[in-house]
Amino acid sequence: MPKQTRLQSRTRRHSRVREKVRGSANRPRLAVFRSITHIYAQLIDDDSGKTLVAASSVEAKDGKGKKADRAKAVGAALGEKAKAKGIAEAVFDRGGYRYHGRVKALGDAARSAGLRF
């Protein structure tokens, strides 16, 4: 059997996480995607298949600084947008990544902005 690539391994991990994690309208799924340079986060209602709120480091004002700092900004922006839409709780979907580094920074910032998960 040939060795798996990093993307294949992450996709398998993500599918295992997704078997257990499901979002609804009152408690959406906070999905995180991490690319080499940017980080993206969405609050998704899996029942209707719609994205309720989204934030990314691409749309952030200053693209400078450490990646973890940009992730904190994305988490804070997502928390503020969620609060404006009346969303207080979410289910965290780490997307097959470790809850460490940028993913953890985004989660902690979203929590400090008022989102519970």
N, C-alpha and C. Protein backbone atom coordinates (compact mmCIF):
# COMPACT_ATOMS: atom_id res chain seq x y z
N MET A 1 0.85 -1.18 0.00
CA MET A 1 0.00 0.00 0.00
C MET A 1 0.89 1.25 0.00
N PRO A 2 0.66 2.18 -0.93
CA PRO A 2 1.50 3.38 -0.99
C PRO A 2 1.24 4.29 0.21
N LYS A 3 2.26 5.06 0.54
CA LYS A 3 2.17 5.98 1.67
C LYS A 3 1.20 7.12 1.35
N GLN A 4 0.45 7.56 2.36
CA GLN A 4 -0.51 8.63 2.17
C GLN A 4 0.18 9.98 2.21
N THR A 5 -0.38 10.93 1.47
CA THR A 5 0.12 12.29 1.54
C THR A 5 -0.46 12.97 2.79
N ARG A 6 0.06 14.13 3.13
CA ARG A 6 -0.47 14.87 4.28
C ARG A 6 -1.93 15.23 4.09
N LEU A 7 -2.28 15.62 2.86
CA LEU A 7 -3.67 16.00 2.58
C LEU A 7 -4.60 14.81 2.76
N GLN A 8 -4.20 13.64 2.27
CA GLN A 8 -5.03 12.45 2.43
C GLN A 8 -5.19 12.09 3.90
N SER A 9 -4.12 12.19 4.66
CA SER A 9 -4.19 11.88 6.09
C SER A 9 -5.12 12.85 6.81
N ARG A 10 -5.00 14.15 6.50
CA ARG A 10 -5.86 15.15 7.14
C ARG A 10 -7.31 14.93 6.75
N THR A 11 -7.56 14.58 5.50
CA THR A 11 -8.92 14.34 5.04
C THR A 11 -9.54 13.15 5.77
N ARG A 12 -8.76 12.11 6.00
CA ARG A 12 -9.27 10.96 6.75
C ARG A 12 -9.56 11.34 8.20
N ARG A 13 -8.67 12.11 8.81
CA ARG A 13 -8.91 12.56 10.18
C ARG A 13 -10.16 13.43 10.25
N HIS A 14 -10.32 14.31 9.26
CA HIS A 14 -11.46 15.21 9.23
C HIS A 14 -12.76 14.43 9.10
N SER A 15 -12.76 13.40 8.27
CA SER A 15 -13.98 12.61 8.12
C SER A 15 -14.33 11.87 9.41
N ARG A 16 -13.32 11.45 10.16
CA ARG A 16 -13.58 10.83 11.47
C ARG A 16 -14.20 11.83 12.44
N VAL A 17 -13.69 13.06 12.42
CA VAL A 17 -14.24 14.11 13.29
C VAL A 17 -15.67 14.42 12.87
N ARG A 18 -15.92 14.47 11.56
CA ARG A 18 -17.24 14.84 11.05
C ARG A 18 -18.31 13.79 11.32
N GLU A 19 -17.91 12.56 11.59
CA GLU A 19 -18.89 11.54 11.96
C GLU A 19 -19.55 11.90 13.29
N LYS A 20 -18.82 12.58 14.15
CA LYS A 20 -19.31 12.89 15.48
C LYS A 20 -19.83 14.32 15.63
N VAL A 21 -19.33 15.24 14.81
CA VAL A 21 -19.65 16.65 14.96
C VAL A 21 -20.69 17.06 13.93
N ARG A 22 -21.81 17.63 14.41
CA ARG A 22 -22.86 18.08 13.50
C ARG A 22 -23.41 19.39 14.01
N GLY A 23 -23.60 20.33 13.12
CA GLY A 23 -24.12 21.64 13.49
C GLY A 23 -25.59 21.76 13.17
N SER A 24 -26.28 22.61 13.92
CA SER A 24 -27.69 22.89 13.67
C SER A 24 -27.87 24.41 13.64
N ALA A 25 -29.10 24.84 13.46
CA ALA A 25 -29.36 26.28 13.36
C ALA A 25 -29.07 26.98 14.69
N ASN A 26 -29.42 26.36 15.82
CA ASN A 26 -29.19 27.02 17.09
C ASN A 26 -27.81 26.72 17.66
N ARG A 27 -27.12 25.68 17.16
CA ARG A 27 -25.75 25.39 17.59
C ARG A 27 -24.95 24.97 16.35
N PRO A 28 -24.49 25.94 15.54
CA PRO A 28 -23.80 25.61 14.29
C PRO A 28 -22.39 25.06 14.52
N ARG A 29 -21.86 24.49 13.46
CA ARG A 29 -20.51 23.92 13.49
C ARG A 29 -19.51 24.99 13.10
N LEU A 30 -18.49 25.20 13.95
CA LEU A 30 -17.43 26.14 13.65
C LEU A 30 -16.34 25.36 12.93
N ALA A 31 -16.30 25.48 11.61
CA ALA A 31 -15.34 24.73 10.79
C ALA A 31 -14.12 25.60 10.52
N VAL A 32 -12.94 25.01 10.68
CA VAL A 32 -11.67 25.73 10.49
C VAL A 32 -10.92 25.11 9.33
N PHE A 33 -10.42 25.96 8.43
CA PHE A 33 -9.52 25.50 7.38
C PHE A 33 -8.26 26.34 7.46
N ARG A 34 -7.14 25.67 7.40
CA ARG A 34 -5.85 26.33 7.55
C ARG A 34 -5.04 26.08 6.28
N SER A 35 -4.69 27.15 5.58
CA SER A 35 -3.79 27.00 4.43
C SER A 35 -2.39 27.41 4.88
N ILE A 36 -1.46 27.44 3.97
CA ILE A 36 -0.09 27.79 4.34
C ILE A 36 -0.01 29.22 4.85
N THR A 37 -0.72 30.14 4.20
CA THR A 37 -0.61 31.54 4.58
C THR A 37 -1.82 32.08 5.34
N HIS A 38 -2.99 31.50 5.15
CA HIS A 38 -4.21 32.07 5.72
C HIS A 38 -4.96 31.04 6.55
N ILE A 39 -5.97 31.53 7.28
CA ILE A 39 -6.86 30.67 8.05
C ILE A 39 -8.28 31.16 7.83
N TYR A 40 -9.20 30.21 7.70
CA TYR A 40 -10.59 30.52 7.40
C TYR A 40 -11.47 29.84 8.45
N ALA A 41 -12.57 30.48 8.83
CA ALA A 41 -13.50 29.90 9.79
C ALA A 41 -14.92 30.21 9.35
N GLN A 42 -15.81 29.22 9.52
CA GLN A 42 -17.21 29.39 9.16
C GLN A 42 -18.08 28.79 10.23
N LEU A 43 -19.24 29.37 10.44
CA LEU A 43 -20.28 28.77 11.26
C LEU A 43 -21.32 28.21 10.30
N ILE A 44 -21.49 26.88 10.33
CA ILE A 44 -22.30 26.19 9.32
C ILE A 44 -23.48 25.50 9.98
N ASP A 45 -24.66 25.67 9.39
CA ASP A 45 -25.86 24.93 9.78
C ASP A 45 -25.93 23.71 8.86
N ASP A 46 -25.61 22.53 9.40
CA ASP A 46 -25.58 21.32 8.58
C ASP A 46 -26.97 20.82 8.20
N ASP A 47 -27.99 21.21 8.95
CA ASP A 47 -29.35 20.78 8.62
C ASP A 47 -29.80 21.38 7.30
N SER A 48 -29.51 22.68 7.10
CA SER A 48 -29.90 23.34 5.85
C SER A 48 -28.75 23.43 4.86
N GLY A 49 -27.53 23.14 5.32
CA GLY A 49 -26.37 23.19 4.43
C GLY A 49 -25.93 24.61 4.10
N LYS A 50 -26.14 25.53 5.02
CA LYS A 50 -25.82 26.94 4.76
C LYS A 50 -24.78 27.46 5.73
N THR A 51 -23.96 28.36 5.22
CA THR A 51 -22.99 29.07 6.05
C THR A 51 -23.67 30.28 6.66
N LEU A 52 -23.66 30.37 7.97
CA LEU A 52 -24.31 31.48 8.66
C LEU A 52 -23.38 32.67 8.81
N VAL A 53 -22.13 32.41 9.20
CA VAL A 53 -21.14 33.47 9.42
C VAL A 53 -19.79 32.94 8.93
N ALA A 54 -19.00 33.83 8.33
CA ALA A 54 -17.66 33.43 7.88
C ALA A 54 -16.67 34.55 8.16
N ALA A 55 -15.42 34.16 8.41
CA ALA A 55 -14.34 35.13 8.61
C ALA A 55 -13.05 34.48 8.14
N SER A 56 -12.13 35.31 7.66
CA SER A 56 -10.85 34.76 7.21
C SER A 56 -9.75 35.79 7.38
N SER A 57 -8.52 35.32 7.34
CA SER A 57 -7.39 36.23 7.45
C SER A 57 -7.18 37.00 6.15
N VAL A 58 -7.82 36.57 5.08
CA VAL A 58 -7.72 37.30 3.81
C VAL A 58 -8.43 38.64 3.92
N GLU A 59 -9.61 38.64 4.56
CA GLU A 59 -10.39 39.87 4.68
C GLU A 59 -9.96 40.75 5.84
N ALA A 60 -9.04 40.24 6.67
CA ALA A 60 -8.56 41.02 7.81
C ALA A 60 -7.84 42.27 7.32
N LYS A 61 -7.90 43.30 8.12
CA LYS A 61 -7.35 44.59 7.71
C LYS A 61 -5.84 44.53 7.47
N ASP A 62 -5.11 44.04 8.45
CA ASP A 62 -3.66 44.00 8.27
C ASP A 62 -3.22 42.55 8.12
N GLY A 63 -2.61 42.26 6.99
CA GLY A 63 -2.14 40.91 6.71
C GLY A 63 -0.74 40.67 7.24
N LYS A 64 -0.28 41.58 8.08
CA LYS A 64 1.06 41.45 8.61
C LYS A 64 1.01 40.82 10.00
N GLY A 65 2.15 40.40 10.48
CA GLY A 65 2.23 39.79 11.80
C GLY A 65 2.32 38.30 11.71
N LYS A 66 2.42 37.67 12.86
CA LYS A 66 2.52 36.22 12.92
C LYS A 66 1.19 35.58 12.51
N LYS A 67 1.28 34.36 12.02
CA LYS A 67 0.08 33.64 11.61
C LYS A 67 -0.85 33.42 12.79
N ALA A 68 -0.30 33.17 13.96
CA ALA A 68 -1.13 32.97 15.15
C ALA A 68 -1.87 34.25 15.51
N ASP A 69 -1.24 35.39 15.32
CA ASP A 69 -1.90 36.67 15.60
C ASP A 69 -3.05 36.91 14.62
N ARG A 70 -2.82 36.53 13.36
CA ARG A 70 -3.89 36.66 12.36
C ARG A 70 -5.05 35.72 12.70
N ALA A 71 -4.72 34.52 13.21
CA ALA A 71 -5.76 33.57 13.59
C ALA A 71 -6.59 34.11 14.75
N LYS A 72 -5.92 34.79 15.70
CA LYS A 72 -6.65 35.42 16.81
C LYS A 72 -7.61 36.47 16.29
N ALA A 73 -7.16 37.25 15.32
CA ALA A 73 -8.02 38.29 14.74
C ALA A 73 -9.23 37.67 14.04
N VAL A 74 -9.02 36.56 13.36
CA VAL A 74 -10.12 35.87 12.68
C VAL A 74 -11.12 35.33 13.70
N GLY A 75 -10.63 34.73 14.77
CA GLY A 75 -11.51 34.22 15.81
C GLY A 75 -12.33 35.31 16.46
N ALA A 76 -11.68 36.44 16.73
CA ALA A 76 -12.39 37.57 17.33
C ALA A 76 -13.45 38.12 16.37
N ALA A 77 -13.10 38.23 15.09
CA ALA A 77 -14.06 38.73 14.10
C ALA A 77 -15.24 37.77 13.96
N LEU A 78 -14.97 36.48 13.97
CA LEU A 78 -16.04 35.49 13.86
C LEU A 78 -16.95 35.56 15.08
N GLY A 79 -16.38 35.72 16.25
CA GLY A 79 -17.18 35.84 17.46
C GLY A 79 -18.07 37.07 17.45
N GLU A 80 -17.55 38.17 16.96
CA GLU A 80 -18.35 39.40 16.88
C GLU A 80 -19.49 39.25 15.87
N LYS A 81 -19.19 38.66 14.71
CA LYS A 81 -20.23 38.46 13.70
C LYS A 81 -21.31 37.51 14.20
N ALA A 82 -20.88 36.47 14.93
CA ALA A 82 -21.84 35.51 15.47
C ALA A 82 -22.74 36.18 16.51
N LYS A 83 -22.15 37.01 17.35
CA LYS A 83 -22.92 37.71 18.37
C LYS A 83 -23.95 38.63 17.70
N ALA A 84 -23.55 39.28 16.61
CA ALA A 84 -24.47 40.17 15.90
C ALA A 84 -25.64 39.39 15.29
N LYS A 85 -25.41 38.13 14.92
CA LYS A 85 -26.47 37.30 14.35
C LYS A 85 -27.26 36.56 15.42
N GLY A 86 -26.85 36.71 16.67
CA GLY A 86 -27.57 36.07 17.76
C GLY A 86 -27.16 34.63 18.02
N ILE A 87 -25.96 34.26 17.60
CA ILE A 87 -25.45 32.91 17.82
C ILE A 87 -24.53 32.94 19.05
N ALA A 88 -24.84 32.13 20.04
CA ALA A 88 -24.05 32.13 21.27
C ALA A 88 -23.25 30.84 21.45
N GLU A 89 -23.74 29.73 20.88
CA GLU A 89 -23.08 28.44 21.04
C GLU A 89 -22.72 27.85 19.70
N ALA A 90 -21.67 27.05 19.68
CA ALA A 90 -21.23 26.38 18.46
C ALA A 90 -20.58 25.05 18.82
N VAL A 91 -20.38 24.22 17.81
CA VAL A 91 -19.65 22.97 17.95
C VAL A 91 -18.36 23.16 17.19
N PHE A 92 -17.22 22.91 17.81
CA PHE A 92 -15.93 23.17 17.17
C PHE A 92 -15.51 22.00 16.30
N ASP A 93 -15.24 22.28 15.02
CA ASP A 93 -14.75 21.28 14.07
C ASP A 93 -13.34 21.71 13.67
N ARG A 94 -12.35 21.01 14.19
CA ARG A 94 -10.96 21.41 13.95
C ARG A 94 -10.46 21.04 12.57
N GLY A 95 -11.25 20.34 11.78
CA GLY A 95 -10.92 20.08 10.39
C GLY A 95 -9.78 19.10 10.18
N GLY A 96 -9.55 18.21 11.11
CA GLY A 96 -8.46 17.25 10.97
C GLY A 96 -7.11 17.77 11.42
N TYR A 97 -7.08 19.03 11.86
CA TYR A 97 -5.84 19.61 12.38
C TYR A 97 -5.78 19.38 13.88
N ARG A 98 -4.58 19.42 14.46
CA ARG A 98 -4.46 19.37 15.91
C ARG A 98 -5.02 20.64 16.51
N TYR A 99 -5.57 20.53 17.71
CA TYR A 99 -6.02 21.72 18.42
C TYR A 99 -4.78 22.33 19.08
N HIS A 100 -4.04 23.06 18.29
CA HIS A 100 -2.71 23.51 18.66
C HIS A 100 -2.34 24.65 17.74
N GLY A 101 -1.57 25.60 18.21
CA GLY A 101 -1.06 26.67 17.34
C GLY A 101 -2.16 27.59 16.85
N ARG A 102 -2.25 27.72 15.52
CA ARG A 102 -3.21 28.65 14.92
C ARG A 102 -4.65 28.26 15.18
N VAL A 103 -4.94 26.96 15.14
CA VAL A 103 -6.31 26.49 15.37
C VAL A 103 -6.72 26.81 16.81
N LYS A 104 -5.83 26.59 17.75
CA LYS A 104 -6.11 26.89 19.16
C LYS A 104 -6.26 28.40 19.37
N ALA A 105 -5.41 29.20 18.71
CA ALA A 105 -5.50 30.65 18.83
C ALA A 105 -6.84 31.16 18.32
N LEU A 106 -7.32 30.61 17.21
CA LEU A 106 -8.61 30.99 16.67
C LEU A 106 -9.73 30.61 17.64
N GLY A 107 -9.67 29.40 18.17
CA GLY A 107 -10.69 28.95 19.11
C GLY A 107 -10.74 29.77 20.38
N ASP A 108 -9.57 30.07 20.93
CA ASP A 108 -9.51 30.86 22.16
C ASP A 108 -10.04 32.27 21.94
N ALA A 109 -9.71 32.86 20.78
CA ALA A 109 -10.19 34.21 20.47
C ALA A 109 -11.71 34.22 20.27
N ALA A 110 -12.24 33.17 19.65
CA ALA A 110 -13.69 33.09 19.46
C ALA A 110 -14.39 32.94 20.81
N ARG A 111 -13.78 32.18 21.70
CA ARG A 111 -14.35 32.03 23.06
C ARG A 111 -14.33 33.36 23.81
N SER A 112 -13.22 34.07 23.72
CA SER A 112 -13.13 35.34 24.44
C SER A 112 -14.07 36.39 23.84
N ALA A 113 -14.47 36.20 22.57
CA ALA A 113 -15.43 37.12 21.96
C ALA A 113 -16.86 36.78 22.32
N GLY A 114 -17.07 35.67 23.08
CA GLY A 114 -18.40 35.36 23.57
C GLY A 114 -19.03 34.10 22.99
N LEU A 115 -18.32 33.39 22.13
CA LEU A 115 -18.86 32.16 21.54
C LEU A 115 -18.52 30.98 22.46
N ARG A 116 -19.51 30.17 22.79
CA ARG A 116 -19.30 29.01 23.66
C ARG A 116 -19.24 27.74 22.85
N PHE A 117 -18.24 26.89 23.12
CA PHE A 117 -18.18 25.55 22.54
C PHE A 117 -17.34 24.65 23.41
